[in-house]
């Protein structure tokens, strides 16, 4: 059951990373990768939206550079081109926004199925399978019952208990790593300051008339 031990540990690690990083940064990264794919259905809309955005900015500058009173015909022509490009840009932006919403929904479903959903499925399928065994009599019967909860036979550790232990250990190691990084960074900042971060007393000169 070594493979099952590793699989459960990796699933718990993936769940912890998803919770730590957050769904939005993960979706943003996946969306950037998805948009760079040539077969992405919305890649053309994104490229067209970027082109239209530049076109709108260019026409806006040209329109501001032309006086409506001195050259109204040219100004009106540029204004019509600007309005048309802006309308097309808004339409492409709406399509991209709709595609992004659909992508986030599908990415959330896939992420849940590949982490929490897979964990629940494995726990249900291997509920009676001990992850590893130990000789009977090592622990009192109630400890053996807890180790085998909910349906694992006595003398074995259930996948639910092992999954909980892995999640707890990963969380503790993660917190310890964060604290160590912060401690090292704070120590480096203190050593970089003059005097090692220790406040030194500054002697203030006292006028001769006030000295006792």
N, C-alpha and C. Protein backbone atom coordinates (compact mmCIF):
# COMPACT_ATOMS: atom_id res chain seq x y z
N UNK A 1 0.81 -1.21 0.00
CA UNK A 1 0.00 0.00 0.00
C UNK A 1 0.85 1.27 0.00
N UNK A 2 2.12 1.11 -0.42
CA UNK A 2 2.97 2.29 -0.45
C UNK A 2 2.43 3.31 -1.45
N UNK A 3 1.93 2.83 -2.57
CA UNK A 3 1.40 3.74 -3.59
C UNK A 3 0.21 4.53 -3.05
N UNK A 4 -0.66 3.87 -2.28
CA UNK A 4 -1.81 4.56 -1.71
C UNK A 4 -1.37 5.61 -0.70
N UNK A 5 -0.32 5.31 0.06
CA UNK A 5 0.21 6.30 1.00
C UNK A 5 0.66 7.56 0.26
N UNK A 6 1.40 7.36 -0.82
CA UNK A 6 1.92 8.50 -1.57
C UNK A 6 0.80 9.27 -2.25
N UNK A 7 -0.17 8.55 -2.82
CA UNK A 7 -1.28 9.21 -3.51
C UNK A 7 -2.06 10.10 -2.55
N UNK A 8 -2.37 9.58 -1.38
CA UNK A 8 -3.12 10.37 -0.40
C UNK A 8 -2.32 11.59 0.04
N UNK A 9 -1.02 11.40 0.25
CA UNK A 9 -0.18 12.53 0.65
C UNK A 9 -0.13 13.61 -0.43
N UNK A 10 0.02 13.19 -1.68
CA UNK A 10 0.07 14.17 -2.78
C UNK A 10 -1.25 14.90 -2.94
N UNK A 11 -2.36 14.19 -2.75
CA UNK A 11 -3.67 14.85 -2.85
C UNK A 11 -3.83 15.88 -1.75
N UNK A 12 -3.43 15.53 -0.53
CA UNK A 12 -3.52 16.48 0.57
C UNK A 12 -2.60 17.68 0.34
N UNK A 13 -1.43 17.43 -0.24
CA UNK A 13 -0.52 18.53 -0.55
C UNK A 13 -1.11 19.46 -1.61
N UNK A 14 -1.75 18.86 -2.62
CA UNK A 14 -2.39 19.68 -3.66
C UNK A 14 -3.53 20.51 -3.07
N UNK A 15 -4.34 19.91 -2.20
CA UNK A 15 -5.43 20.66 -1.57
C UNK A 15 -4.89 21.81 -0.73
N UNK A 16 -3.79 21.57 -0.02
CA UNK A 16 -3.21 22.64 0.80
C UNK A 16 -2.67 23.77 -0.07
N UNK A 17 -2.03 23.43 -1.17
CA UNK A 17 -1.49 24.46 -2.06
C UNK A 17 -2.61 25.30 -2.67
N UNK A 18 -3.71 24.64 -3.04
CA UNK A 18 -4.83 25.38 -3.62
C UNK A 18 -5.42 26.34 -2.60
N UNK A 19 -5.57 25.88 -1.36
CA UNK A 19 -6.12 26.75 -0.32
C UNK A 19 -5.16 27.88 0.04
N UNK A 20 -3.86 27.60 0.00
CA UNK A 20 -2.87 28.61 0.37
C UNK A 20 -2.72 29.67 -0.72
N UNK A 21 -2.60 29.22 -1.96
CA UNK A 21 -2.42 30.16 -3.08
C UNK A 21 -3.71 30.91 -3.37
N UNK A 22 -4.83 30.20 -3.35
CA UNK A 22 -6.11 30.82 -3.67
C UNK A 22 -6.56 30.48 -5.08
N UNK A 23 -7.87 30.45 -5.27
CA UNK A 23 -8.42 30.06 -6.57
C UNK A 23 -8.20 31.13 -7.64
N UNK A 24 -8.27 32.40 -7.26
CA UNK A 24 -8.14 33.47 -8.25
C UNK A 24 -6.76 33.51 -8.90
N UNK A 25 -5.65 33.49 -8.14
CA UNK A 25 -4.34 33.46 -8.82
C UNK A 25 -4.16 32.24 -9.71
N UNK A 26 -4.70 31.10 -9.27
CA UNK A 26 -4.58 29.89 -10.10
C UNK A 26 -5.37 30.05 -11.38
N UNK A 27 -6.59 30.58 -11.27
CA UNK A 27 -7.40 30.80 -12.47
C UNK A 27 -6.76 31.83 -13.41
N UNK A 28 -6.15 32.86 -12.83
CA UNK A 28 -5.48 33.86 -13.67
C UNK A 28 -4.32 33.24 -14.45
N UNK A 29 -3.54 32.39 -13.78
CA UNK A 29 -2.42 31.74 -14.45
C UNK A 29 -2.91 30.79 -15.54
N UNK A 30 -3.91 29.99 -15.21
CA UNK A 30 -4.46 29.06 -16.21
C UNK A 30 -5.08 29.81 -17.38
N UNK A 31 -5.71 30.95 -17.11
CA UNK A 31 -6.31 31.74 -18.19
C UNK A 31 -5.24 32.31 -19.11
N UNK A 32 -4.13 32.77 -18.54
CA UNK A 32 -3.04 33.28 -19.37
C UNK A 32 -2.46 32.18 -20.25
N UNK A 33 -2.30 30.98 -19.68
CA UNK A 33 -1.80 29.86 -20.48
C UNK A 33 -2.80 29.48 -21.56
N UNK A 34 -4.07 29.46 -21.19
CA UNK A 34 -5.12 29.08 -22.14
C UNK A 34 -5.21 30.07 -23.30
N UNK A 35 -5.03 31.34 -23.00
CA UNK A 35 -5.12 32.36 -24.05
C UNK A 35 -3.95 32.28 -25.03
N UNK A 36 -2.82 31.75 -24.58
CA UNK A 36 -1.66 31.64 -25.46
C UNK A 36 -1.73 30.43 -26.38
N UNK A 37 -2.66 29.53 -26.13
CA UNK A 37 -2.79 28.36 -26.99
C UNK A 37 -3.39 28.76 -28.32
N UNK A 38 -2.87 28.22 -29.42
CA UNK A 38 -3.39 28.62 -30.74
C UNK A 38 -4.81 28.14 -31.00
N UNK A 39 -5.21 27.04 -30.35
CA UNK A 39 -6.54 26.50 -30.58
C UNK A 39 -7.56 27.03 -29.59
N UNK A 40 -7.16 27.99 -28.76
CA UNK A 40 -8.12 28.57 -27.82
C UNK A 40 -9.23 29.29 -28.55
N UNK A 41 -10.49 29.02 -28.22
CA UNK A 41 -11.60 29.64 -28.96
C UNK A 41 -11.68 31.14 -28.78
N UNK A 42 -11.14 31.67 -27.70
CA UNK A 42 -11.23 33.11 -27.44
C UNK A 42 -9.92 33.84 -27.71
N UNK A 43 -8.91 33.12 -28.22
CA UNK A 43 -7.62 33.78 -28.46
C UNK A 43 -7.74 34.85 -29.54
N UNK A 44 -8.55 34.59 -30.57
CA UNK A 44 -8.73 35.59 -31.63
C UNK A 44 -9.45 36.83 -31.09
N UNK A 45 -10.44 36.61 -30.23
CA UNK A 45 -11.15 37.75 -29.65
C UNK A 45 -10.22 38.60 -28.79
N UNK A 46 -9.33 37.95 -28.05
CA UNK A 46 -8.40 38.69 -27.19
C UNK A 46 -7.42 39.50 -28.03
N UNK A 47 -6.90 38.89 -29.09
CA UNK A 47 -5.99 39.62 -29.96
C UNK A 47 -6.70 40.78 -30.65
N UNK A 48 -7.94 40.53 -31.09
CA UNK A 48 -8.70 41.59 -31.75
C UNK A 48 -9.04 42.71 -30.77
N UNK A 49 -9.33 42.33 -29.52
CA UNK A 49 -9.63 43.35 -28.51
C UNK A 49 -8.41 44.23 -28.25
N UNK A 50 -7.22 43.62 -28.17
CA UNK A 50 -6.00 44.41 -27.97
C UNK A 50 -5.74 45.35 -29.15
N UNK A 51 -5.99 44.85 -30.36
CA UNK A 51 -5.78 45.69 -31.54
C UNK A 51 -6.76 46.86 -31.56
N UNK A 52 -8.02 46.57 -31.23
CA UNK A 52 -9.03 47.64 -31.22
C UNK A 52 -8.76 48.65 -30.11
N UNK A 53 -8.21 48.20 -28.99
CA UNK A 53 -7.89 49.13 -27.91
C UNK A 53 -6.83 50.14 -28.38
N UNK A 54 -5.81 49.64 -29.08
CA UNK A 54 -4.79 50.54 -29.62
C UNK A 54 -5.39 51.48 -30.67
N UNK A 55 -6.31 50.94 -31.47
CA UNK A 55 -6.93 51.76 -32.50
C UNK A 55 -7.78 52.87 -31.89
N UNK A 56 -8.50 52.54 -30.82
CA UNK A 56 -9.33 53.55 -30.15
C UNK A 56 -8.46 54.65 -29.56
N UNK A 57 -7.35 54.27 -28.94
CA UNK A 57 -6.44 55.27 -28.36
C UNK A 57 -5.85 56.16 -29.45
N UNK A 58 -5.47 55.55 -30.58
CA UNK A 58 -4.89 56.34 -31.68
C UNK A 58 -5.91 57.33 -32.25
N UNK A 59 -7.13 56.85 -32.48
CA UNK A 59 -8.16 57.74 -33.02
C UNK A 59 -8.54 58.83 -32.03
N UNK A 60 -8.50 58.50 -30.74
CA UNK A 60 -8.80 59.51 -29.73
C UNK A 60 -7.76 60.62 -29.75
N UNK A 61 -6.51 60.26 -29.92
CA UNK A 61 -5.46 61.28 -29.99
C UNK A 61 -5.61 62.13 -31.25
N UNK A 62 -5.91 61.48 -32.37
CA UNK A 62 -6.10 62.25 -33.61
C UNK A 62 -7.29 63.20 -33.50
N UNK A 63 -8.35 62.73 -32.87
CA UNK A 63 -9.54 63.56 -32.73
C UNK A 63 -9.26 64.76 -31.82
N UNK A 64 -8.47 64.57 -30.78
CA UNK A 64 -8.13 65.68 -29.90
C UNK A 64 -7.17 66.66 -30.57
N UNK A 65 -6.40 66.16 -31.53
CA UNK A 65 -5.44 67.04 -32.21
C UNK A 65 -6.10 67.89 -33.29
N UNK A 66 -7.32 67.52 -33.72
CA UNK A 66 -8.01 68.26 -34.77
C UNK A 66 -9.07 69.14 -34.14
N UNK A 67 -9.13 70.37 -34.56
CA UNK A 67 -10.12 71.31 -34.04
C UNK A 67 -11.45 71.10 -34.76
N UNK A 68 -12.51 70.94 -33.99
CA UNK A 68 -13.83 70.74 -34.60
C UNK A 68 -14.34 72.00 -35.28
N UNK A 69 -13.88 73.14 -34.87
CA UNK A 69 -14.32 74.39 -35.48
C UNK A 69 -13.58 74.68 -36.78
N UNK A 70 -12.27 74.42 -36.80
CA UNK A 70 -11.47 74.73 -37.99
C UNK A 70 -11.64 73.69 -39.09
N UNK A 71 -11.69 72.41 -38.72
CA UNK A 71 -11.79 71.33 -39.72
C UNK A 71 -12.84 70.34 -39.25
N UNK A 72 -14.09 70.74 -39.33
CA UNK A 72 -15.17 69.91 -38.79
C UNK A 72 -15.34 68.62 -39.58
N UNK A 73 -15.15 68.65 -40.90
CA UNK A 73 -15.35 67.45 -41.71
C UNK A 73 -14.37 66.36 -41.31
N UNK A 74 -13.10 66.72 -41.16
CA UNK A 74 -12.10 65.72 -40.75
C UNK A 74 -12.36 65.24 -39.33
N UNK A 75 -12.72 66.18 -38.45
CA UNK A 75 -13.00 65.80 -37.06
C UNK A 75 -14.18 64.84 -36.98
N UNK A 76 -15.23 65.10 -37.77
CA UNK A 76 -16.40 64.23 -37.76
C UNK A 76 -16.07 62.85 -38.31
N UNK A 77 -15.20 62.78 -39.33
CA UNK A 77 -14.80 61.49 -39.90
C UNK A 77 -14.03 60.67 -38.87
N UNK A 78 -13.10 61.32 -38.19
CA UNK A 78 -12.34 60.61 -37.16
C UNK A 78 -13.25 60.19 -36.02
N UNK A 79 -14.23 61.02 -35.69
CA UNK A 79 -15.17 60.70 -34.61
C UNK A 79 -15.99 59.46 -34.96
N UNK A 80 -16.43 59.35 -36.21
CA UNK A 80 -17.20 58.17 -36.62
C UNK A 80 -16.33 56.92 -36.56
N UNK A 81 -15.07 57.04 -37.01
CA UNK A 81 -14.16 55.89 -36.92
C UNK A 81 -13.91 55.49 -35.47
N UNK A 82 -13.76 56.50 -34.61
CA UNK A 82 -13.52 56.23 -33.19
C UNK A 82 -14.72 55.53 -32.56
N UNK A 83 -15.92 56.02 -32.83
CA UNK A 83 -17.12 55.41 -32.25
C UNK A 83 -17.31 53.98 -32.74
N UNK A 84 -17.02 53.75 -34.02
CA UNK A 84 -17.16 52.40 -34.58
C UNK A 84 -16.15 51.44 -33.95
N UNK A 85 -14.90 51.89 -33.81
CA UNK A 85 -13.87 51.05 -33.19
C UNK A 85 -14.19 50.80 -31.72
N UNK A 86 -14.70 51.82 -31.04
CA UNK A 86 -15.05 51.65 -29.62
C UNK A 86 -16.20 50.67 -29.45
N UNK A 87 -17.18 50.73 -30.32
CA UNK A 87 -18.30 49.79 -30.24
C UNK A 87 -17.83 48.36 -30.50
N UNK A 88 -16.95 48.20 -31.48
CA UNK A 88 -16.42 46.87 -31.77
C UNK A 88 -15.56 46.36 -30.61
N UNK A 89 -14.80 47.26 -30.00
CA UNK A 89 -13.98 46.88 -28.84
C UNK A 89 -14.84 46.43 -27.68
N UNK A 90 -15.91 47.14 -27.40
CA UNK A 90 -16.81 46.76 -26.31
C UNK A 90 -17.46 45.41 -26.57
N UNK A 91 -17.77 45.13 -27.82
CA UNK A 91 -18.38 43.84 -28.15
C UNK A 91 -17.38 42.70 -27.95
N UNK A 92 -16.14 42.92 -28.38
CA UNK A 92 -15.11 41.90 -28.17
C UNK A 92 -14.82 41.72 -26.68
N UNK A 93 -14.82 42.83 -25.94
CA UNK A 93 -14.57 42.75 -24.50
C UNK A 93 -15.67 41.97 -23.80
N UNK A 94 -16.92 42.13 -24.26
CA UNK A 94 -18.02 41.38 -23.68
C UNK A 94 -17.87 39.89 -23.97
N UNK A 95 -17.43 39.55 -25.18
CA UNK A 95 -17.21 38.15 -25.52
C UNK A 95 -16.09 37.53 -24.68
N UNK A 96 -15.01 38.30 -24.50
CA UNK A 96 -13.90 37.80 -23.70
C UNK A 96 -14.32 37.63 -22.24
N UNK A 97 -15.09 38.58 -21.72
CA UNK A 97 -15.56 38.48 -20.34
C UNK A 97 -16.46 37.27 -20.15
N UNK A 98 -17.33 37.01 -21.13
CA UNK A 98 -18.19 35.83 -21.05
C UNK A 98 -17.37 34.55 -21.11
N UNK A 99 -16.36 34.53 -21.98
CA UNK A 99 -15.49 33.36 -22.07
C UNK A 99 -14.71 33.15 -20.78
N UNK A 100 -14.27 34.25 -20.16
CA UNK A 100 -13.52 34.14 -18.91
C UNK A 100 -14.40 33.59 -17.80
N UNK A 101 -15.65 34.05 -17.73
CA UNK A 101 -16.55 33.52 -16.71
C UNK A 101 -16.80 32.04 -16.88
N UNK A 102 -17.00 31.60 -18.12
CA UNK A 102 -17.19 30.18 -18.39
C UNK A 102 -15.93 29.39 -18.07
N UNK A 103 -14.77 29.96 -18.38
CA UNK A 103 -13.50 29.29 -18.10
C UNK A 103 -13.29 29.14 -16.60
N UNK A 104 -13.58 30.19 -15.82
CA UNK A 104 -13.41 30.11 -14.37
C UNK A 104 -14.31 29.04 -13.77
N UNK A 105 -15.54 28.92 -14.28
CA UNK A 105 -16.46 27.90 -13.77
C UNK A 105 -15.92 26.50 -14.06
N UNK A 106 -15.48 26.27 -15.29
CA UNK A 106 -14.95 24.95 -15.65
C UNK A 106 -13.65 24.66 -14.91
N UNK A 107 -12.80 25.68 -14.75
CA UNK A 107 -11.55 25.47 -14.02
C UNK A 107 -11.82 25.13 -12.56
N UNK A 108 -12.82 25.77 -11.96
CA UNK A 108 -13.17 25.45 -10.58
C UNK A 108 -13.67 24.03 -10.42
N UNK A 109 -14.47 23.57 -11.39
CA UNK A 109 -14.99 22.20 -11.34
C UNK A 109 -13.85 21.20 -11.48
N UNK A 110 -12.97 21.44 -12.46
CA UNK A 110 -11.85 20.52 -12.68
C UNK A 110 -10.92 20.52 -11.48
N UNK A 111 -10.68 21.69 -10.89
CA UNK A 111 -9.80 21.77 -9.73
C UNK A 111 -10.39 21.02 -8.55
N UNK A 112 -11.70 21.14 -8.34
CA UNK A 112 -12.33 20.43 -7.22
C UNK A 112 -12.32 18.92 -7.47
N UNK A 113 -12.61 18.50 -8.69
CA UNK A 113 -12.62 17.07 -9.00
C UNK A 113 -11.24 16.45 -8.85
N UNK A 114 -10.20 17.21 -9.19
CA UNK A 114 -8.84 16.67 -9.14
C UNK A 114 -8.23 16.75 -7.74
N UNK A 115 -8.86 17.43 -6.81
CA UNK A 115 -8.32 17.53 -5.46
C UNK A 115 -9.30 16.96 -4.44
N UNK A 116 -10.25 17.74 -4.01
CA UNK A 116 -11.19 17.29 -2.98
C UNK A 116 -12.07 16.16 -3.48
N UNK A 117 -12.55 16.26 -4.70
CA UNK A 117 -13.39 15.19 -5.24
C UNK A 117 -12.65 13.87 -5.32
N UNK A 118 -11.41 13.91 -5.80
CA UNK A 118 -10.60 12.69 -5.86
C UNK A 118 -10.31 12.14 -4.48
N UNK A 119 -10.09 13.02 -3.51
CA UNK A 119 -9.85 12.58 -2.14
C UNK A 119 -11.07 11.87 -1.56
N UNK A 120 -12.26 12.45 -1.74
CA UNK A 120 -13.47 11.81 -1.24
C UNK A 120 -13.72 10.47 -1.92
N UNK A 121 -13.46 10.40 -3.22
CA UNK A 121 -13.68 9.16 -3.96
C UNK A 121 -12.75 8.06 -3.47
N UNK A 122 -11.48 8.39 -3.26
CA UNK A 122 -10.53 7.39 -2.78
C UNK A 122 -10.87 6.96 -1.36
N UNK A 123 -11.27 7.91 -0.52
CA UNK A 123 -11.65 7.54 0.84
C UNK A 123 -12.87 6.64 0.86
N UNK A 124 -13.82 6.88 -0.01
CA UNK A 124 -15.00 6.02 -0.07
C UNK A 124 -14.66 4.65 -0.64
N UNK A 125 -13.84 4.62 -1.69
CA UNK A 125 -13.54 3.35 -2.36
C UNK A 125 -12.65 2.46 -1.49
N UNK A 126 -11.73 3.06 -0.75
CA UNK A 126 -10.80 2.29 0.08
C UNK A 126 -11.13 2.45 1.56
N UNK A 127 -12.41 2.58 1.89
CA UNK A 127 -12.80 2.77 3.29
C UNK A 127 -12.44 1.56 4.14
N UNK A 128 -12.51 0.36 3.57
CA UNK A 128 -12.21 -0.86 4.32
C UNK A 128 -10.77 -1.34 4.12
N UNK A 129 -9.99 -0.61 3.34
CA UNK A 129 -8.62 -1.03 3.05
C UNK A 129 -7.66 -0.33 4.01
N UNK A 130 -6.88 -1.09 4.79
CA UNK A 130 -5.90 -0.44 5.67
C UNK A 130 -4.74 0.13 4.87
N UNK A 131 -4.38 1.35 5.18
CA UNK A 131 -3.24 1.97 4.49
C UNK A 131 -1.95 1.26 4.89
N UNK A 132 -1.81 0.97 6.17
CA UNK A 132 -0.74 0.10 6.65
C UNK A 132 -1.22 -0.55 7.93
N UNK A 133 -0.60 -1.65 8.30
CA UNK A 133 -1.04 -2.44 9.44
C UNK A 133 0.02 -2.43 10.54
N UNK A 134 -0.41 -2.84 11.72
CA UNK A 134 0.47 -2.96 12.88
C UNK A 134 0.01 -4.18 13.67
N UNK A 135 0.88 -4.76 14.48
CA UNK A 135 0.49 -5.96 15.24
C UNK A 135 -0.65 -5.65 16.21
N UNK A 136 -1.59 -6.58 16.29
CA UNK A 136 -2.70 -6.42 17.23
C UNK A 136 -2.17 -6.45 18.66
N UNK A 137 -2.76 -5.63 19.49
CA UNK A 137 -2.37 -5.57 20.88
C UNK A 137 -1.40 -4.46 21.22
N UNK A 138 -0.92 -3.75 20.22
CA UNK A 138 -0.03 -2.63 20.49
C UNK A 138 -0.74 -1.49 21.20
N UNK A 139 -2.00 -1.29 20.87
CA UNK A 139 -2.79 -0.20 21.43
C UNK A 139 -4.06 -0.77 22.04
N UNK A 140 -4.68 -0.04 22.97
CA UNK A 140 -5.99 -0.46 23.48
C UNK A 140 -7.01 -0.52 22.35
N UNK A 141 -8.10 -1.24 22.63
CA UNK A 141 -9.08 -1.47 21.56
C UNK A 141 -9.70 -0.17 21.06
N UNK A 142 -9.91 0.82 21.95
CA UNK A 142 -10.52 2.07 21.50
C UNK A 142 -9.56 2.89 20.62
N UNK A 143 -8.24 2.76 20.87
CA UNK A 143 -7.27 3.42 20.00
C UNK A 143 -7.27 2.74 18.63
N UNK A 144 -7.34 1.41 18.63
CA UNK A 144 -7.40 0.69 17.35
C UNK A 144 -8.67 1.04 16.58
N UNK A 145 -9.77 1.26 17.31
CA UNK A 145 -11.02 1.65 16.63
C UNK A 145 -10.89 3.03 16.00
N UNK A 146 -10.22 3.95 16.72
CA UNK A 146 -10.02 5.29 16.17
C UNK A 146 -9.11 5.25 14.95
N UNK A 147 -8.04 4.46 15.04
CA UNK A 147 -7.11 4.36 13.91
C UNK A 147 -7.76 3.73 12.68
N UNK A 148 -8.75 2.88 12.90
CA UNK A 148 -9.43 2.24 11.79
C UNK A 148 -10.73 2.89 11.39
N UNK A 149 -11.05 4.04 11.96
CA UNK A 149 -12.31 4.72 11.66
C UNK A 149 -12.36 5.11 10.18
N UNK A 150 -13.49 4.90 9.49
CA UNK A 150 -14.77 4.41 10.03
C UNK A 150 -15.00 2.91 9.86
N UNK A 151 -14.41 2.27 8.81
CA UNK A 151 -14.76 0.87 8.53
C UNK A 151 -13.55 -0.02 8.33
N UNK A 152 -12.39 0.46 8.69
CA UNK A 152 -11.18 -0.34 8.52
C UNK A 152 -11.11 -1.38 9.64
N UNK A 153 -10.69 -2.62 9.35
CA UNK A 153 -10.61 -3.64 10.40
C UNK A 153 -9.55 -3.29 11.44
N UNK A 154 -9.68 -3.91 12.63
CA UNK A 154 -8.71 -3.69 13.70
C UNK A 154 -7.32 -4.15 13.26
N UNK A 155 -6.33 -3.40 13.70
CA UNK A 155 -4.96 -3.71 13.32
C UNK A 155 -4.48 -2.95 12.10
N UNK A 156 -5.29 -2.05 11.60
CA UNK A 156 -4.90 -1.27 10.42
C UNK A 156 -5.29 0.19 10.58
N UNK A 157 -4.60 1.05 9.86
CA UNK A 157 -4.88 2.48 9.85
C UNK A 157 -5.70 2.79 8.61
N UNK A 158 -6.85 3.42 8.81
CA UNK A 158 -7.74 3.71 7.69
C UNK A 158 -7.20 4.86 6.85
N UNK A 159 -7.71 4.96 5.64
CA UNK A 159 -7.29 6.02 4.73
C UNK A 159 -7.77 7.38 5.22
N UNK A 160 -8.90 7.41 5.94
CA UNK A 160 -9.39 8.68 6.48
C UNK A 160 -8.45 9.23 7.54
N UNK A 161 -7.99 8.34 8.44
CA UNK A 161 -7.07 8.77 9.49
C UNK A 161 -5.74 9.21 8.89
N UNK A 162 -5.26 8.44 7.91
CA UNK A 162 -4.00 8.80 7.26
C UNK A 162 -4.12 10.13 6.51
N UNK A 163 -5.24 10.35 5.87
CA UNK A 163 -5.45 11.61 5.16
C UNK A 163 -5.47 12.79 6.13
N UNK A 164 -6.14 12.61 7.27
CA UNK A 164 -6.15 13.67 8.28
C UNK A 164 -4.76 13.94 8.84
N UNK A 165 -4.01 12.86 9.08
CA UNK A 165 -2.64 13.03 9.59
C UNK A 165 -1.76 13.75 8.58
N UNK A 166 -1.90 13.41 7.30
CA UNK A 166 -1.11 14.09 6.27
C UNK A 166 -1.47 15.57 6.18
N UNK A 167 -2.77 15.87 6.24
CA UNK A 167 -3.19 17.27 6.18
C UNK A 167 -2.67 18.07 7.36
N UNK A 168 -2.70 17.48 8.55
CA UNK A 168 -2.19 18.18 9.74
C UNK A 168 -0.69 18.40 9.65
N UNK A 169 0.04 17.36 9.22
CA UNK A 169 1.50 17.48 9.11
C UNK A 169 1.89 18.52 8.06
N UNK A 170 1.21 18.53 6.93
CA UNK A 170 1.52 19.50 5.87
C UNK A 170 1.25 20.92 6.35
N UNK A 171 0.14 21.11 7.07
CA UNK A 171 -0.18 22.45 7.58
C UNK A 171 0.86 22.91 8.60
N UNK A 172 1.30 22.00 9.48
CA UNK A 172 2.31 22.37 10.47
C UNK A 172 3.64 22.72 9.82
N UNK A 173 4.06 21.91 8.86
CA UNK A 173 5.32 22.18 8.16
C UNK A 173 5.23 23.50 7.39
N UNK A 174 4.08 23.75 6.79
CA UNK A 174 3.90 25.01 6.05
C UNK A 174 3.99 26.22 6.97
N UNK A 175 3.30 26.15 8.11
CA UNK A 175 3.36 27.26 9.07
C UNK A 175 4.77 27.45 9.61
N UNK A 176 5.45 26.34 9.90
CA UNK A 176 6.82 26.43 10.42
C UNK A 176 7.75 27.05 9.38
N UNK A 177 7.57 26.67 8.12
CA UNK A 177 8.40 27.24 7.05
C UNK A 177 8.18 28.74 6.92
N UNK A 178 6.92 29.15 6.97
CA UNK A 178 6.61 30.59 6.87
C UNK A 178 7.23 31.35 8.04
N UNK A 179 7.11 30.82 9.24
CA UNK A 179 7.68 31.49 10.41
C UNK A 179 9.21 31.59 10.30
N UNK A 180 9.85 30.53 9.81
CA UNK A 180 11.30 30.54 9.67
C UNK A 180 11.74 31.57 8.64
N UNK A 181 11.02 31.64 7.52
CA UNK A 181 11.36 32.63 6.49
C UNK A 181 11.20 34.05 7.03
N UNK A 182 10.11 34.30 7.75
CA UNK A 182 9.90 35.63 8.32
C UNK A 182 10.96 35.96 9.37
N UNK A 183 11.35 34.95 10.16
CA UNK A 183 12.37 35.18 11.18
C UNK A 183 13.72 35.50 10.55
N UNK A 184 14.09 34.74 9.51
CA UNK A 184 15.37 34.99 8.83
C UNK A 184 15.35 36.36 8.16
N UNK A 185 14.23 36.72 7.55
CA UNK A 185 14.14 38.03 6.90
C UNK A 185 14.23 39.16 7.92
N UNK A 186 13.56 38.99 9.05
CA UNK A 186 13.61 40.04 10.08
C UNK A 186 15.00 40.14 10.68
N UNK A 187 15.67 39.00 10.85
CA UNK A 187 17.04 39.03 11.37
C UNK A 187 17.98 39.71 10.40
N UNK A 188 17.77 39.48 9.09
CA UNK A 188 18.60 40.15 8.09
C UNK A 188 18.39 41.64 8.08
N UNK A 189 17.15 42.07 8.26
CA UNK A 189 16.87 43.51 8.30
C UNK A 189 17.50 44.16 9.53
N UNK A 190 17.48 43.45 10.64
CA UNK A 190 18.09 44.02 11.86
C UNK A 190 19.60 44.14 11.72
N UNK A 191 20.22 43.11 11.13
CA UNK A 191 21.68 43.16 10.98
C UNK A 191 22.11 44.21 9.97
N UNK A 192 21.22 44.57 9.03
CA UNK A 192 21.57 45.57 8.02
C UNK A 192 21.51 46.99 8.57
N UNK A 193 20.75 47.20 9.64
CA UNK A 193 20.65 48.54 10.23
C UNK A 193 21.88 48.84 11.07
N UNK A 194 22.30 50.12 11.16
CA UNK A 194 23.47 50.47 11.98
C UNK A 194 23.25 50.10 13.44
N UNK A 195 24.27 49.52 14.03
CA UNK A 195 24.18 49.15 15.43
C UNK A 195 23.42 47.87 15.67
N UNK A 196 23.14 47.12 14.58
CA UNK A 196 22.43 45.87 14.76
C UNK A 196 21.02 46.03 15.19
N UNK A 197 20.43 47.18 14.93
CA UNK A 197 19.03 47.39 15.28
C UNK A 197 18.82 47.78 16.72
N UNK A 198 19.92 47.98 17.48
CA UNK A 198 19.82 48.35 18.88
C UNK A 198 19.92 49.86 19.00
N UNK A 199 19.00 50.46 19.67
CA UNK A 199 19.02 51.90 19.83
C UNK A 199 20.17 52.32 20.75
N UNK A 200 20.92 53.27 20.29
CA UNK A 200 22.03 53.77 21.08
C UNK A 200 21.67 55.12 21.70
N UNK A 201 22.19 55.34 22.91
CA UNK A 201 21.94 56.59 23.60
C UNK A 201 22.81 57.70 23.00
N UNK A 202 22.20 58.82 22.72
CA UNK A 202 22.91 59.96 22.15
C UNK A 202 23.11 60.99 23.25
N UNK A 203 24.33 61.40 23.43
CA UNK A 203 24.64 62.40 24.46
C UNK A 203 24.30 63.78 23.94
N UNK A 204 23.48 64.50 24.69
CA UNK A 204 23.08 65.85 24.33
C UNK A 204 23.93 66.83 25.11
N UNK A 205 24.62 67.73 24.44
CA UNK A 205 25.47 68.69 25.18
C UNK A 205 24.61 69.64 26.02
N UNK A 206 25.06 69.86 27.24
CA UNK A 206 24.36 70.73 28.18
C UNK A 206 25.11 72.04 28.29
N UNK A 207 24.41 73.18 28.20
CA UNK A 207 25.10 74.47 28.35
C UNK A 207 25.81 74.58 29.69
N UNK A 208 26.91 75.33 29.71
CA UNK A 208 27.73 75.43 30.92
C UNK A 208 26.97 76.06 32.07
N UNK A 209 26.06 76.99 31.78
CA UNK A 209 25.33 77.66 32.85
C UNK A 209 24.33 76.77 33.54
N UNK A 210 23.86 75.72 32.83
CA UNK A 210 22.85 74.83 33.40
C UNK A 210 23.46 73.60 34.02
N UNK A 211 24.76 73.41 33.82
CA UNK A 211 25.39 72.22 34.37
C UNK A 211 25.52 72.38 35.87
N UNK A 212 25.24 71.36 36.64
CA UNK A 212 25.31 71.43 38.09
C UNK A 212 26.67 70.96 38.58
